[in-house]
Amino acid sequence: MKKARQNGFVMLMVMAALILIGFEMFVLARSSNTIVFQTNSAYVESCEQNLVASALAWAKKNIENENQTSFNKTIELSLADMNIQRAALSVFVQRAENKPAEVQITTSCSRGRQNLRHKKKYGIGPS
């Protein structure tokens, strides 16, 4: 009878340990999901900032060179060299007489289930 009680006690201890391990795994999995979400958010935001900076540099170069072919129309810029997957970048340069150029930049980037779209106008004056 004593051996059966001892085996029962060991079985209860093993079950309690398994329950604790299961709870710890649940908490860790929840934490890791939060970390993955925050990592994806940071990635998407940094991609968006890089796209805007690249578009502004491209627009400034074309405005300084007086490249009339890139004015008053939307131009889709290639992102192949930037190696950003699931992203798009378009630039619309508008330049009126005796006024600084205005650039409208539209970006879209995503990772996982997170999507970030950005559309904003910037003024580019003479350098």
C-alpha atoms as a PDB file:
ATOM      1  CA  MET A   1       0.000   0.000   0.000  1.00  0.00           C
ATOM      2  CA  LYS A   2       2.883   2.352   0.826  1.00  0.00           C
ATOM      3  CA  LYS A   3       4.434   1.824  -2.633  1.00  0.00           C
ATOM      4  CA  ALA A   4       1.104   2.700  -4.332  1.00  0.00           C
ATOM      5  CA  ARG A   5       0.792   5.929  -2.288  1.00  0.00           C
ATOM      6  CA  GLN A   6       4.365   6.871  -3.158  1.00  0.00           C
ATOM      7  CA  ASN A   7       3.718   6.242  -6.867  1.00  0.00           C
ATOM      8  CA  GLY A   8       0.542   8.346  -6.668  1.00  0.00           C
ATOM      9  CA  PHE A   9       2.456  11.192  -5.048  1.00  0.00           C
ATOM     10  CA  VAL A  10       5.135  11.066  -7.767  1.00  0.00           C
ATOM     11  CA  MET A  11       2.405  11.064 -10.418  1.00  0.00           C
ATOM     12  CA  LEU A  12       0.817  14.190  -8.852  1.00  0.00           C
ATOM     13  CA  MET A  13       4.191  15.934  -8.766  1.00  0.00           C
ATOM     14  CA  VAL A  14       4.812  15.098 -12.426  1.00  0.00           C
ATOM     15  CA  MET A  15       1.346  16.404 -13.353  1.00  0.00           C
ATOM     16  CA  ALA A  16       1.928  19.622 -11.388  1.00  0.00           C
ATOM     17  CA  ALA A  17       5.282  20.096 -13.130  1.00  0.00           C
ATOM     18  CA  LEU A  18       3.653  19.575 -16.541  1.00  0.00           C
ATOM     19  CA  ILE A  19       0.954  22.119 -15.717  1.00  0.00           C
ATOM     20  CA  LEU A  20       3.586  24.675 -14.675  1.00  0.00           C
ATOM     21  CA  ILE A  21       5.616  24.040 -17.816  1.00  0.00           C
ATOM     22  CA  GLY A  22       2.480  24.412 -19.952  1.00  0.00           C
ATOM     23  CA  PHE A  23       1.648  27.730 -18.267  1.00  0.00           C
ATOM     24  CA  GLU A  24       5.200  29.004 -18.775  1.00  0.00           C
ATOM     25  CA  MET A  25       5.047  28.035 -22.463  1.00  0.00           C
ATOM     26  CA  PHE A  26       1.745  29.891 -22.813  1.00  0.00           C
ATOM     27  CA  VAL A  27       3.259  33.055 -21.288  1.00  0.00           C
ATOM     28  CA  LEU A  28       6.411  32.796 -23.407  1.00  0.00           C
ATOM     29  CA  ALA A  29       4.424  32.227 -26.610  1.00  0.00           C
ATOM     30  CA  ARG A  30       2.319  35.295 -25.878  1.00  0.00           C
ATOM     31  CA  SER A  31       5.468  37.353 -25.253  1.00  0.00           C
ATOM     32  CA  SER A  32       7.090  36.115 -28.446  1.00  0.00           C
ATOM     33  CA  ASN A  33       3.997  37.098 -30.457  1.00  0.00           C
ATOM     34  CA  THR A  34       4.283  40.609 -29.042  1.00  0.00           C
ATOM     35  CA  ILE A  35       7.961  40.741 -29.964  1.00  0.00           C
ATOM     36  CA  VAL A  36       7.244  39.530 -33.508  1.00  0.00           C
ATOM     37  CA  PHE A  37       4.523  42.183 -33.906  1.00  0.00           C
ATOM     38  CA  GLN A  38       6.818  44.953 -32.649  1.00  0.00           C
ATOM     39  CA  THR A  39       9.653  43.761 -34.891  1.00  0.00           C
ATOM     40  CA  ASN A  40       7.387  43.786 -37.943  1.00  0.00           C
ATOM     41  CA  SER A  41       6.140  47.262 -37.032  1.00  0.00           C
ATOM     42  CA  ALA A  42       9.687  48.595 -36.726  1.00  0.00           C
ATOM     43  CA  TYR A  43      10.642  46.986 -40.051  1.00  0.00           C
ATOM     44  CA  VAL A  44       7.670  48.481 -41.899  1.00  0.00           C
ATOM     45  CA  GLU A  45       8.273  51.944 -40.426  1.00  0.00           C
ATOM     46  CA  SER A  46      11.981  51.890 -41.318  1.00  0.00           C
ATOM     47  CA  CYS A  47      11.188  50.732 -44.865  1.00  0.00           C
ATOM     48  CA  GLU A  48       8.707  53.572 -45.222  1.00  0.00           C
ATOM     49  CA  GLN A  49      11.294  56.105 -44.029  1.00  0.00           C
ATOM     50  CA  ASN A  50      13.889  54.712 -46.454  1.00  0.00           C
ATOM     51  CA  LEU A  51      11.422  54.890 -49.338  1.00  0.00           C
ATOM     52  CA  VAL A  52      10.537  58.512 -48.576  1.00  0.00           C
ATOM     53  CA  ALA A  53      14.209  59.476 -48.288  1.00  0.00           C
ATOM     54  CA  SER A  54      15.012  57.743 -51.579  1.00  0.00           C
ATOM     55  CA  ALA A  55      12.103  59.428 -53.339  1.00  0.00           C
ATOM     56  CA  LEU A  56      13.129  62.846 -52.053  1.00  0.00           C
ATOM     57  CA  ALA A  57      16.719  62.295 -53.220  1.00  0.00           C
ATOM     58  CA  TRP A  58      15.490  61.162 -56.655  1.00  0.00           C
ATOM     59  CA  ALA A  59      13.151  64.157 -56.961  1.00  0.00           C
ATOM     60  CA  LYS A  60      15.812  66.641 -55.874  1.00  0.00           C
ATOM     61  CA  LYS A  61      18.280  65.238 -58.419  1.00  0.00           C
ATOM     62  CA  ASN A  62      15.734  65.465 -61.245  1.00  0.00           C
ATOM     63  CA  ILE A  63      14.671  68.979 -60.262  1.00  0.00           C
ATOM     64  CA  GLU A  64      18.262  70.204 -60.096  1.00  0.00           C
ATOM     65  CA  ASN A  65      18.972  68.696 -63.536  1.00  0.00           C
ATOM     66  CA  GLU A  66      15.812  70.366 -64.890  1.00  0.00           C
ATOM     67  CA  ASN A  67      14.610  66.987 -66.139  1.00  0.00           C
ATOM     68  CA  GLN A  68      11.301  68.126 -67.622  1.00  0.00           C
ATOM     69  CA  THR A  69      10.264  64.572 -68.496  1.00  0.00           C
ATOM     70  CA  SER A  70       9.690  63.781 -64.824  1.00  0.00           C
ATOM     71  CA  PHE A  71       7.419  66.795 -64.127  1.00  0.00           C
ATOM     72  CA  ASN A  72       3.623  66.663 -63.829  1.00  0.00           C
ATOM     73  CA  LYS A  73       3.268  62.908 -64.059  1.00  0.00           C
ATOM     74  CA  THR A  74       3.395  60.008 -61.626  1.00  0.00           C
ATOM     75  CA  ILE A  75       6.524  57.908 -61.879  1.00  0.00           C
ATOM     76  CA  GLU A  76       6.830  54.458 -60.327  1.00  0.00           C
ATOM     77  CA  LEU A  77      10.376  54.000 -59.039  1.00  0.00           C
ATOM     78  CA  SER A  78      12.049  50.599 -59.104  1.00  0.00           C
ATOM     79  CA  LEU A  79      12.863  49.078 -55.727  1.00  0.00           C
ATOM     80  CA  ALA A  80      14.872  46.120 -57.029  1.00  0.00           C
ATOM     81  CA  ASP A  81      18.202  47.451 -55.731  1.00  0.00           C
ATOM     82  CA  MET A  82      16.736  48.196 -52.292  1.00  0.00           C
ATOM     83  CA  ASN A  83      15.596  44.572 -51.832  1.00  0.00           C
ATOM     84  CA  ILE A  84      12.373  45.578 -50.084  1.00  0.00           C
ATOM     85  CA  GLN A  85       9.727  42.969 -50.702  1.00  0.00           C
ATOM     86  CA  ARG A  86       6.041  43.857 -50.951  1.00  0.00           C
ATOM     87  CA  ALA A  87       6.718  47.579 -51.350  1.00  0.00           C
ATOM     88  CA  ALA A  88       5.851  50.265 -53.874  1.00  0.00           C
ATOM     89  CA  LEU A  89       7.040  53.827 -54.429  1.00  0.00           C
ATOM     90  CA  SER A  90       5.651  56.497 -56.716  1.00  0.00           C
ATOM     91  CA  VAL A  91       6.614  60.147 -57.098  1.00  0.00           C
ATOM     92  CA  PHE A  92       4.689  63.030 -58.619  1.00  0.00           C
ATOM     93  CA  VAL A  93       6.779  66.175 -59.234  1.00  0.00           C
ATOM     94  CA  GLN A  94       4.946  69.394 -59.908  1.00  0.00           C
ATOM     95  CA  ARG A  95       6.775  72.565 -60.764  1.00  0.00           C
ATOM     96  CA  ALA A  96       5.143  75.908 -61.513  1.00  0.00           C
ATOM     97  CA  GLU A  97       6.834  79.052 -62.780  1.00  0.00           C
ATOM     98  CA  ASN A  98       8.596  81.092 -60.061  1.00  0.00           C
ATOM     99  CA  LYS A  99       7.610  78.628 -57.341  1.00  0.00           C
ATOM    100  CA  PRO A 100       9.560  75.886 -55.609  1.00  0.00           C
ATOM    101  CA  ALA A 101       8.887  72.376 -56.819  1.00  0.00           C
ATOM    102  CA  GLU A 102       6.367  70.266 -54.985  1.00  0.00           C
ATOM    103  CA  VAL A 103       6.744  66.515 -54.689  1.00  0.00           C
ATOM    104  CA  GLN A 104       4.009  64.074 -53.732  1.00  0.00           C
ATOM    105  CA  ILE A 105       5.397  60.774 -52.518  1.00  0.00           C
ATOM    106  CA  THR A 106       3.233  57.677 -52.194  1.00  0.00           C
ATOM    107  CA  THR A 107       4.720  54.643 -50.465  1.00  0.00           C
ATOM    108  CA  SER A 108       3.344  51.269 -49.545  1.00  0.00           C
ATOM    109  CA  CYS A 109       5.145  48.545 -47.632  1.00  0.00           C
ATOM    110  CA  SER A 110       4.014  45.523 -45.696  1.00  0.00           C
ATOM    111  CA  ARG A 111       5.276  42.604 -43.688  1.00  0.00           C
ATOM    112  CA  GLY A 112       3.170  39.839 -42.301  1.00  0.00           C
ATOM    113  CA  ARG A 113      -0.301  41.251 -41.810  1.00  0.00           C
ATOM    114  CA  GLN A 114       0.939  44.798 -41.270  1.00  0.00           C
ATOM    115  CA  ASN A 115       0.550  47.321 -44.070  1.00  0.00           C
ATOM    116  CA  LEU A 116       1.741  50.911 -44.048  1.00  0.00           C
ATOM    117  CA  ARG A 117       0.749  53.418 -46.690  1.00  0.00           C
ATOM    118  CA  HIS A 118       2.109  56.937 -46.817  1.00  0.00           C
ATOM    119  CA  LYS A 119       1.075  59.812 -49.059  1.00  0.00           C
ATOM    120  CA  LYS A 120       2.475  63.259 -48.397  1.00  0.00           C
ATOM    121  CA  LYS A 121       3.568  66.377 -50.236  1.00  0.00           C
ATOM    122  CA  TYR A 122       6.973  67.944 -49.775  1.00  0.00           C
ATOM    123  CA  GLY A 123       8.342  71.232 -51.019  1.00  0.00           C
ATOM    124  CA  ILE A 124      11.800  71.185 -52.567  1.00  0.00           C
ATOM    125  CA  GLY A 125      13.478  74.530 -52.874  1.00  0.00           C
ATOM    126  CA  PRO A 126      16.631  75.453 -54.780  1.00  0.00           C
ATOM    127  CA  SER A 127      19.862  74.249 -53.195  1.00  0.00           C
END
